[in-house]
């Protein structure tokens, strides 16, 4: 089983959006028994909360299920469970080092690294920008290319 964890700051906007989009792609390709996905935040202030209303609105707009999602914080055990930890920005990557990010068997990258020809080095946080459409477009592209990468690398 391949396990992917999406990480952002509070786990209410970008990472649950990525989790829902990626899970939707997995379902469409019939890969639910081969790939699992989750999301978490580096901070703990939103633990237990559902996704931000803006995230719920954009996912609803594109008919992407997100039911049952609740924010959680990254835990040390995530570094022994997940093969891919995909962060939304540079600060998330730095923060992950506090949680045991020294495992060399984990592929830790930014989601924007998977977006070809992008002008973005980080996925903008719509909690601050208010632009959930822009974030959705970038996250969607990143998730599509990440899934292709995983299939090519791990599912030959």
N, C-alpha and C. Protein backbone atom coordinates (compact mmCIF):
# COMPACT_ATOMS: atom_id res chain seq x y z
N UNK A 1 0.85 -1.19 0.00
CA UNK A 1 0.00 0.00 0.00
C UNK A 1 0.88 1.24 0.00
N UNK A 2 0.60 2.15 -0.89
CA UNK A 2 1.30 3.43 -0.96
C UNK A 2 0.48 4.43 -0.16
N UNK A 3 1.16 5.18 0.71
CA UNK A 3 0.46 6.14 1.56
C UNK A 3 1.03 7.54 1.32
N UNK A 4 0.11 8.50 1.12
CA UNK A 4 0.46 9.89 0.83
C UNK A 4 -0.16 10.78 1.89
N UNK A 5 0.66 11.67 2.45
CA UNK A 5 0.19 12.65 3.44
C UNK A 5 0.42 14.05 2.89
N UNK A 6 -0.65 14.83 2.81
CA UNK A 6 -0.54 16.23 2.41
C UNK A 6 -0.47 17.09 3.67
N UNK A 7 0.42 18.07 3.66
CA UNK A 7 0.66 18.87 4.86
C UNK A 7 0.60 20.36 4.54
N UNK A 8 -0.10 21.10 5.39
CA UNK A 8 -0.07 22.56 5.34
C UNK A 8 0.03 23.06 6.77
N UNK A 9 -0.25 24.33 6.99
CA UNK A 9 -0.08 24.91 8.31
C UNK A 9 -1.15 24.45 9.31
N UNK A 10 -2.42 24.68 8.99
CA UNK A 10 -3.48 24.39 9.95
C UNK A 10 -4.37 23.22 9.61
N UNK A 11 -4.21 22.64 8.43
CA UNK A 11 -4.99 21.49 7.97
C UNK A 11 -6.48 21.80 7.86
N UNK A 12 -6.79 23.03 7.42
CA UNK A 12 -8.20 23.35 7.15
C UNK A 12 -8.43 23.88 5.74
N UNK A 13 -7.38 24.28 5.04
CA UNK A 13 -7.55 24.84 3.68
C UNK A 13 -6.85 24.01 2.62
N UNK A 14 -5.53 24.16 2.51
CA UNK A 14 -4.81 23.56 1.39
C UNK A 14 -4.66 22.04 1.48
N UNK A 15 -4.22 21.53 2.61
CA UNK A 15 -3.99 20.07 2.67
C UNK A 15 -5.27 19.25 2.62
N UNK A 16 -6.38 19.67 3.26
CA UNK A 16 -7.60 18.89 3.06
C UNK A 16 -8.13 19.00 1.63
N UNK A 17 -7.90 20.16 0.99
CA UNK A 17 -8.28 20.32 -0.41
C UNK A 17 -7.49 19.31 -1.25
N UNK A 18 -6.19 19.21 -1.00
CA UNK A 18 -5.35 18.26 -1.74
C UNK A 18 -5.77 16.82 -1.44
N UNK A 19 -6.06 16.52 -0.18
CA UNK A 19 -6.49 15.17 0.18
C UNK A 19 -7.76 14.79 -0.59
N UNK A 20 -8.74 15.68 -0.61
CA UNK A 20 -10.01 15.38 -1.28
C UNK A 20 -9.81 15.24 -2.79
N UNK A 21 -9.05 16.14 -3.39
CA UNK A 21 -8.81 16.08 -4.83
C UNK A 21 -8.05 14.80 -5.19
N UNK A 22 -7.01 14.48 -4.42
CA UNK A 22 -6.20 13.29 -4.70
C UNK A 22 -7.03 12.02 -4.52
N UNK A 23 -7.84 11.97 -3.46
CA UNK A 23 -8.70 10.81 -3.23
C UNK A 23 -9.70 10.65 -4.37
N UNK A 24 -10.22 11.74 -4.87
CA UNK A 24 -11.14 11.70 -5.99
C UNK A 24 -10.46 11.13 -7.24
N UNK A 25 -9.22 11.54 -7.48
CA UNK A 25 -8.46 11.00 -8.62
C UNK A 25 -8.20 9.50 -8.44
N UNK A 26 -7.87 9.12 -7.23
CA UNK A 26 -7.62 7.70 -6.93
C UNK A 26 -8.88 6.87 -7.20
N UNK A 27 -10.03 7.37 -6.74
CA UNK A 27 -11.30 6.66 -6.97
C UNK A 27 -11.59 6.52 -8.46
N UNK A 28 -11.39 7.60 -9.21
CA UNK A 28 -11.67 7.58 -10.64
C UNK A 28 -10.81 6.54 -11.37
N UNK A 29 -9.61 6.29 -10.85
CA UNK A 29 -8.71 5.33 -11.49
C UNK A 29 -8.79 3.94 -10.85
N UNK A 30 -9.67 3.78 -9.87
CA UNK A 30 -9.84 2.48 -9.22
C UNK A 30 -8.63 2.05 -8.42
N UNK A 31 -7.94 2.99 -7.80
CA UNK A 31 -6.71 2.68 -7.07
C UNK A 31 -6.88 2.75 -5.55
N UNK A 32 -8.12 2.71 -5.07
CA UNK A 32 -8.38 2.83 -3.63
C UNK A 32 -7.69 1.75 -2.81
N UNK A 33 -7.48 0.57 -3.38
CA UNK A 33 -6.84 -0.52 -2.65
C UNK A 33 -5.32 -0.48 -2.76
N UNK A 34 -4.80 0.49 -3.51
CA UNK A 34 -3.36 0.58 -3.69
C UNK A 34 -2.75 1.85 -3.12
N UNK A 35 -3.55 2.91 -3.01
CA UNK A 35 -3.05 4.19 -2.51
C UNK A 35 -4.01 4.71 -1.44
N UNK A 36 -3.45 5.10 -0.30
CA UNK A 36 -4.22 5.75 0.76
C UNK A 36 -3.73 7.18 0.88
N UNK A 37 -4.62 8.07 1.30
CA UNK A 37 -4.27 9.48 1.41
C UNK A 37 -4.83 10.06 2.71
N UNK A 38 -4.11 11.02 3.26
CA UNK A 38 -4.52 11.71 4.47
C UNK A 38 -3.95 13.12 4.40
N UNK A 39 -4.30 13.95 5.37
CA UNK A 39 -3.72 15.28 5.46
C UNK A 39 -3.54 15.65 6.92
N UNK A 40 -2.64 16.60 7.16
CA UNK A 40 -2.35 17.05 8.52
C UNK A 40 -1.76 18.45 8.45
N UNK A 41 -1.72 19.10 9.59
CA UNK A 41 -1.12 20.42 9.69
C UNK A 41 0.09 20.40 10.59
N UNK A 42 0.97 21.35 10.39
CA UNK A 42 2.13 21.45 11.28
C UNK A 42 1.74 22.11 12.59
N UNK A 43 0.69 22.91 12.59
CA UNK A 43 0.19 23.55 13.81
C UNK A 43 -0.96 22.76 14.41
N UNK A 44 -1.27 23.05 15.66
CA UNK A 44 -2.29 22.27 16.37
C UNK A 44 -3.57 23.04 16.68
N UNK A 45 -3.67 24.29 16.29
CA UNK A 45 -4.80 25.12 16.72
C UNK A 45 -6.13 24.78 16.06
N UNK A 46 -6.13 24.01 14.97
CA UNK A 46 -7.39 23.65 14.30
C UNK A 46 -7.77 22.18 14.49
N UNK A 47 -7.05 21.46 15.32
CA UNK A 47 -7.28 20.03 15.50
C UNK A 47 -8.76 19.77 15.80
N UNK A 48 -9.34 18.85 15.04
CA UNK A 48 -10.74 18.46 15.23
C UNK A 48 -11.73 19.25 14.40
N UNK A 49 -11.28 20.35 13.79
CA UNK A 49 -12.19 21.17 12.99
C UNK A 49 -12.36 20.62 11.58
N UNK A 50 -13.52 20.87 10.96
CA UNK A 50 -13.72 20.49 9.56
C UNK A 50 -12.94 21.45 8.66
N UNK A 51 -12.87 21.16 7.37
CA UNK A 51 -12.21 22.10 6.46
C UNK A 51 -12.87 23.48 6.49
N UNK A 52 -12.08 24.48 6.17
CA UNK A 52 -12.54 25.87 6.07
C UNK A 52 -13.72 25.94 5.09
N UNK A 53 -14.64 26.84 5.33
CA UNK A 53 -15.82 26.96 4.47
C UNK A 53 -15.44 27.22 3.01
N UNK A 54 -14.39 27.99 2.78
CA UNK A 54 -13.94 28.25 1.41
C UNK A 54 -13.48 26.98 0.71
N UNK A 55 -12.80 26.10 1.45
CA UNK A 55 -12.38 24.81 0.90
C UNK A 55 -13.59 23.95 0.61
N UNK A 56 -14.53 23.91 1.54
CA UNK A 56 -15.75 23.13 1.32
C UNK A 56 -16.51 23.65 0.10
N UNK A 57 -16.58 24.97 -0.04
CA UNK A 57 -17.30 25.56 -1.17
C UNK A 57 -16.67 25.17 -2.51
N UNK A 58 -15.35 25.27 -2.61
CA UNK A 58 -14.69 24.97 -3.89
C UNK A 58 -14.78 23.48 -4.21
N UNK A 59 -14.67 22.64 -3.20
CA UNK A 59 -14.78 21.20 -3.45
C UNK A 59 -16.21 20.84 -3.87
N UNK A 60 -17.19 21.47 -3.26
CA UNK A 60 -18.59 21.25 -3.64
C UNK A 60 -18.82 21.71 -5.07
N UNK A 61 -18.25 22.86 -5.43
CA UNK A 61 -18.38 23.41 -6.79
C UNK A 61 -17.93 22.40 -7.84
N UNK A 62 -16.89 21.62 -7.53
CA UNK A 62 -16.35 20.65 -8.48
C UNK A 62 -16.77 19.21 -8.16
N UNK A 63 -17.80 19.06 -7.32
CA UNK A 63 -18.36 17.75 -6.97
C UNK A 63 -17.31 16.78 -6.44
N UNK A 64 -16.45 17.27 -5.56
CA UNK A 64 -15.41 16.44 -4.95
C UNK A 64 -15.80 16.18 -3.50
N UNK A 65 -16.00 14.92 -3.12
CA UNK A 65 -16.40 14.59 -1.75
C UNK A 65 -15.32 14.94 -0.73
N UNK A 66 -15.77 15.35 0.46
CA UNK A 66 -14.83 15.68 1.54
C UNK A 66 -15.41 15.33 2.91
N UNK A 67 -16.48 14.58 2.94
CA UNK A 67 -17.16 14.27 4.19
C UNK A 67 -16.27 13.57 5.20
N UNK A 68 -16.46 13.94 6.46
CA UNK A 68 -15.77 13.29 7.56
C UNK A 68 -14.37 13.82 7.85
N UNK A 69 -13.90 14.75 7.04
CA UNK A 69 -12.55 15.28 7.27
C UNK A 69 -12.51 16.13 8.54
N UNK A 70 -11.46 15.94 9.31
CA UNK A 70 -11.21 16.73 10.51
C UNK A 70 -9.72 17.02 10.58
N UNK A 71 -9.39 18.25 10.95
CA UNK A 71 -7.99 18.65 11.03
C UNK A 71 -7.26 17.86 12.11
N UNK A 72 -6.01 17.53 11.82
CA UNK A 72 -5.14 16.89 12.79
C UNK A 72 -3.74 17.45 12.61
N UNK A 73 -2.91 17.23 13.59
CA UNK A 73 -1.53 17.70 13.52
C UNK A 73 -0.63 16.54 13.10
N UNK A 74 0.43 16.87 12.38
CA UNK A 74 1.45 15.88 12.02
C UNK A 74 1.97 15.24 13.31
N UNK A 75 2.22 13.94 13.24
CA UNK A 75 2.77 13.21 14.38
C UNK A 75 4.05 12.49 13.94
N UNK A 76 4.92 12.20 14.90
CA UNK A 76 6.16 11.49 14.59
C UNK A 76 5.88 10.17 13.87
N UNK A 77 4.81 9.47 14.25
CA UNK A 77 4.52 8.17 13.64
C UNK A 77 4.20 8.29 12.15
N UNK A 78 3.80 9.48 11.68
CA UNK A 78 3.53 9.67 10.25
C UNK A 78 4.76 9.36 9.41
N UNK A 79 5.94 9.54 9.99
CA UNK A 79 7.18 9.31 9.26
C UNK A 79 7.52 7.83 9.12
N UNK A 80 6.77 6.99 9.79
CA UNK A 80 6.94 5.55 9.59
C UNK A 80 5.76 4.94 8.85
N UNK A 81 4.70 5.72 8.64
CA UNK A 81 3.49 5.23 7.98
C UNK A 81 3.43 5.64 6.51
N UNK A 82 3.83 6.87 6.21
CA UNK A 82 3.68 7.42 4.86
C UNK A 82 4.98 7.34 4.07
N UNK A 83 4.85 7.01 2.78
CA UNK A 83 6.00 7.00 1.88
C UNK A 83 6.20 8.37 1.22
N UNK A 84 5.10 9.13 1.10
CA UNK A 84 5.13 10.45 0.48
C UNK A 84 4.53 11.45 1.45
N UNK A 85 5.29 12.49 1.75
CA UNK A 85 4.77 13.61 2.53
C UNK A 85 4.91 14.83 1.63
N UNK A 86 3.78 15.40 1.26
CA UNK A 86 3.73 16.47 0.28
C UNK A 86 3.25 17.75 0.97
N UNK A 87 4.15 18.71 1.06
CA UNK A 87 3.89 19.97 1.76
C UNK A 87 3.41 21.03 0.79
N UNK A 88 2.76 22.04 1.34
CA UNK A 88 2.22 23.12 0.51
C UNK A 88 3.21 24.27 0.33
N UNK A 89 4.17 24.41 1.24
CA UNK A 89 5.13 25.51 1.09
C UNK A 89 6.44 25.21 1.80
N UNK A 90 7.41 26.10 1.60
CA UNK A 90 8.75 25.95 2.18
C UNK A 90 8.69 25.89 3.71
N UNK A 91 7.85 26.73 4.31
CA UNK A 91 7.76 26.73 5.78
C UNK A 91 7.27 25.38 6.29
N UNK A 92 6.32 24.76 5.59
CA UNK A 92 5.85 23.42 5.99
C UNK A 92 7.01 22.43 5.96
N UNK A 93 7.84 22.51 4.92
CA UNK A 93 8.99 21.61 4.80
C UNK A 93 9.92 21.80 6.00
N UNK A 94 10.20 23.06 6.33
CA UNK A 94 11.06 23.34 7.49
C UNK A 94 10.43 22.81 8.78
N UNK A 95 9.13 23.05 8.94
CA UNK A 95 8.44 22.62 10.16
C UNK A 95 8.41 21.10 10.30
N UNK A 96 8.39 20.39 9.19
CA UNK A 96 8.35 18.92 9.25
C UNK A 96 9.58 18.34 9.94
N UNK A 97 10.70 19.06 9.90
CA UNK A 97 11.91 18.55 10.54
C UNK A 97 11.74 18.42 12.06
N UNK A 98 10.78 19.14 12.64
CA UNK A 98 10.50 19.04 14.08
C UNK A 98 9.80 17.73 14.43
N UNK A 99 9.24 17.07 13.43
CA UNK A 99 8.43 15.89 13.68
C UNK A 99 9.13 14.59 13.30
N UNK A 100 10.41 14.60 13.15
CA UNK A 100 11.09 13.35 12.82
C UNK A 100 11.31 13.17 11.34
N UNK A 101 11.49 14.26 10.63
CA UNK A 101 11.64 14.21 9.19
C UNK A 101 12.95 13.65 8.69
N UNK A 102 13.71 12.95 9.53
CA UNK A 102 15.00 12.43 9.12
C UNK A 102 14.94 11.07 8.43
N UNK A 103 13.77 10.47 8.30
CA UNK A 103 13.65 9.17 7.65
C UNK A 103 13.97 9.32 6.17
N UNK A 104 15.02 8.68 5.73
CA UNK A 104 15.48 8.81 4.34
C UNK A 104 14.59 8.06 3.34
N UNK A 105 13.69 7.20 3.83
CA UNK A 105 12.83 6.41 2.94
C UNK A 105 11.55 7.14 2.56
N UNK A 106 11.39 8.35 3.07
CA UNK A 106 10.19 9.13 2.77
C UNK A 106 10.52 10.16 1.70
N UNK A 107 9.63 10.30 0.76
CA UNK A 107 9.76 11.28 -0.31
C UNK A 107 9.04 12.53 0.15
N UNK A 108 9.78 13.56 0.58
CA UNK A 108 9.20 14.80 1.06
C UNK A 108 9.46 15.89 0.03
N UNK A 109 8.37 16.45 -0.49
CA UNK A 109 8.47 17.50 -1.51
C UNK A 109 7.31 18.48 -1.34
N UNK A 110 7.40 19.59 -2.05
CA UNK A 110 6.28 20.53 -2.12
C UNK A 110 5.37 20.11 -3.27
N UNK A 111 4.08 20.32 -3.11
CA UNK A 111 3.13 19.99 -4.17
C UNK A 111 3.43 20.80 -5.43
N UNK A 112 3.85 22.02 -5.27
CA UNK A 112 4.15 22.87 -6.43
C UNK A 112 5.30 22.32 -7.27
N UNK A 113 6.14 21.46 -6.69
CA UNK A 113 7.23 20.83 -7.45
C UNK A 113 6.69 19.95 -8.58
N UNK A 114 5.44 19.54 -8.47
CA UNK A 114 4.84 18.65 -9.46
C UNK A 114 4.04 19.39 -10.53
N UNK A 115 3.95 20.70 -10.40
CA UNK A 115 3.18 21.49 -11.36
C UNK A 115 4.13 21.99 -12.45
N UNK A 116 3.98 21.48 -13.67
CA UNK A 116 4.89 21.91 -14.75
C UNK A 116 4.64 23.36 -15.15
N UNK A 117 5.70 24.04 -15.48
CA UNK A 117 5.62 25.41 -15.98
C UNK A 117 4.86 26.36 -15.06
N UNK A 118 4.99 26.14 -13.75
CA UNK A 118 4.29 27.00 -12.80
C UNK A 118 5.18 28.16 -12.38
N UNK A 119 4.55 29.29 -12.15
CA UNK A 119 5.26 30.44 -11.61
C UNK A 119 5.25 30.41 -10.08
N UNK A 120 4.57 29.42 -9.51
CA UNK A 120 4.43 29.34 -8.06
C UNK A 120 5.48 28.39 -7.48
N UNK A 121 6.19 28.85 -6.46
CA UNK A 121 7.11 27.94 -5.77
C UNK A 121 6.42 27.34 -4.55
N UNK A 122 5.35 27.97 -4.09
CA UNK A 122 4.54 27.49 -2.97
C UNK A 122 3.07 27.57 -3.36
N UNK A 123 2.25 26.73 -2.75
CA UNK A 123 0.80 26.83 -2.94
C UNK A 123 0.32 27.96 -2.02
N UNK A 124 -0.25 29.02 -2.59
CA UNK A 124 -0.70 30.14 -1.76
C UNK A 124 -1.80 29.70 -0.79
N UNK A 125 -1.76 30.24 0.41
CA UNK A 125 -2.72 29.87 1.44
C UNK A 125 -3.97 30.73 1.31
N UNK A 126 -5.09 30.14 0.89
CA UNK A 126 -6.31 30.93 0.70
C UNK A 126 -6.90 31.45 2.00
N UNK A 127 -6.45 30.92 3.13
CA UNK A 127 -6.88 31.46 4.42
C UNK A 127 -6.48 32.93 4.50
N UNK A 128 -5.33 33.25 3.90
CA UNK A 128 -4.83 34.62 3.90
C UNK A 128 -5.13 35.37 2.62
N UNK A 129 -5.09 34.67 1.47
CA UNK A 129 -5.31 35.36 0.19
C UNK A 129 -6.79 35.49 -0.14
N UNK A 130 -7.61 34.57 0.36
CA UNK A 130 -9.03 34.55 0.03
C UNK A 130 -9.34 33.97 -1.33
N UNK A 131 -8.31 33.58 -2.09
CA UNK A 131 -8.50 33.10 -3.46
C UNK A 131 -8.48 31.57 -3.51
N UNK A 132 -9.61 30.96 -3.20
CA UNK A 132 -9.72 29.51 -3.19
C UNK A 132 -9.70 28.94 -4.61
N UNK A 133 -10.15 29.72 -5.59
CA UNK A 133 -10.12 29.25 -6.98
C UNK A 133 -8.69 29.07 -7.46
N UNK A 134 -7.84 30.05 -7.20
CA UNK A 134 -6.43 29.96 -7.59
C UNK A 134 -5.76 28.76 -6.91
N UNK A 135 -5.99 28.61 -5.63
CA UNK A 135 -5.40 27.49 -4.89
C UNK A 135 -5.91 26.17 -5.44
N UNK A 136 -7.21 26.09 -5.74
CA UNK A 136 -7.78 24.87 -6.29
C UNK A 136 -7.09 24.49 -7.60
N UNK A 137 -6.90 25.44 -8.49
CA UNK A 137 -6.27 25.15 -9.78
C UNK A 137 -4.86 24.60 -9.60
N UNK A 138 -4.10 25.22 -8.73
CA UNK A 138 -2.73 24.78 -8.49
C UNK A 138 -2.69 23.41 -7.82
N UNK A 139 -3.54 23.22 -6.81
CA UNK A 139 -3.59 21.94 -6.10
C UNK A 139 -4.06 20.82 -7.05
N UNK A 140 -5.05 21.10 -7.86
CA UNK A 140 -5.54 20.09 -8.81
C UNK A 140 -4.45 19.65 -9.77
N UNK A 141 -3.74 20.60 -10.34
CA UNK A 141 -2.66 20.27 -11.26
C UNK A 141 -1.57 19.48 -10.54
N UNK A 142 -1.20 19.93 -9.36
CA UNK A 142 -0.18 19.22 -8.59
C UNK A 142 -0.59 17.80 -8.27
N UNK A 143 -1.84 17.60 -7.88
CA UNK A 143 -2.33 16.25 -7.54
C UNK A 143 -2.34 15.33 -8.76
N UNK A 144 -2.76 15.85 -9.90
CA UNK A 144 -2.77 15.04 -11.12
C UNK A 144 -1.37 14.58 -11.48
N UNK A 145 -0.41 15.51 -11.42
CA UNK A 145 0.97 15.17 -11.77
C UNK A 145 1.64 14.29 -10.70
N UNK A 146 1.28 14.51 -9.45
CA UNK A 146 1.80 13.65 -8.39
C UNK A 146 1.31 12.22 -8.58
N UNK A 147 0.05 12.04 -8.90
CA UNK A 147 -0.47 10.69 -9.11
C UNK A 147 0.25 10.02 -10.28
N UNK A 148 0.47 10.73 -11.35
CA UNK A 148 1.23 10.18 -12.48
C UNK A 148 2.64 9.79 -12.04
N UNK A 149 3.28 10.65 -11.25
CA UNK A 149 4.62 10.37 -10.74
C UNK A 149 4.63 9.09 -9.90
N UNK A 150 3.68 8.96 -8.99
CA UNK A 150 3.61 7.78 -8.11
C UNK A 150 3.36 6.51 -8.93
N UNK A 151 2.46 6.60 -9.89
CA UNK A 151 2.18 5.43 -10.72
C UNK A 151 3.42 5.03 -11.50
N UNK A 152 4.13 5.97 -12.07
CA UNK A 152 5.35 5.67 -12.82
C UNK A 152 6.46 5.12 -11.94
N UNK A 153 6.58 5.65 -10.74
CA UNK A 153 7.67 5.28 -9.84
C UNK A 153 7.40 3.98 -9.08
N UNK A 154 6.18 3.82 -8.59
CA UNK A 154 5.88 2.73 -7.67
C UNK A 154 4.93 1.66 -8.18
N UNK A 155 4.32 1.89 -9.33
CA UNK A 155 3.30 0.96 -9.77
C UNK A 155 3.57 0.45 -11.18
N UNK A 156 4.83 0.23 -11.50
CA UNK A 156 5.22 -0.19 -12.84
C UNK A 156 4.57 -1.49 -13.25
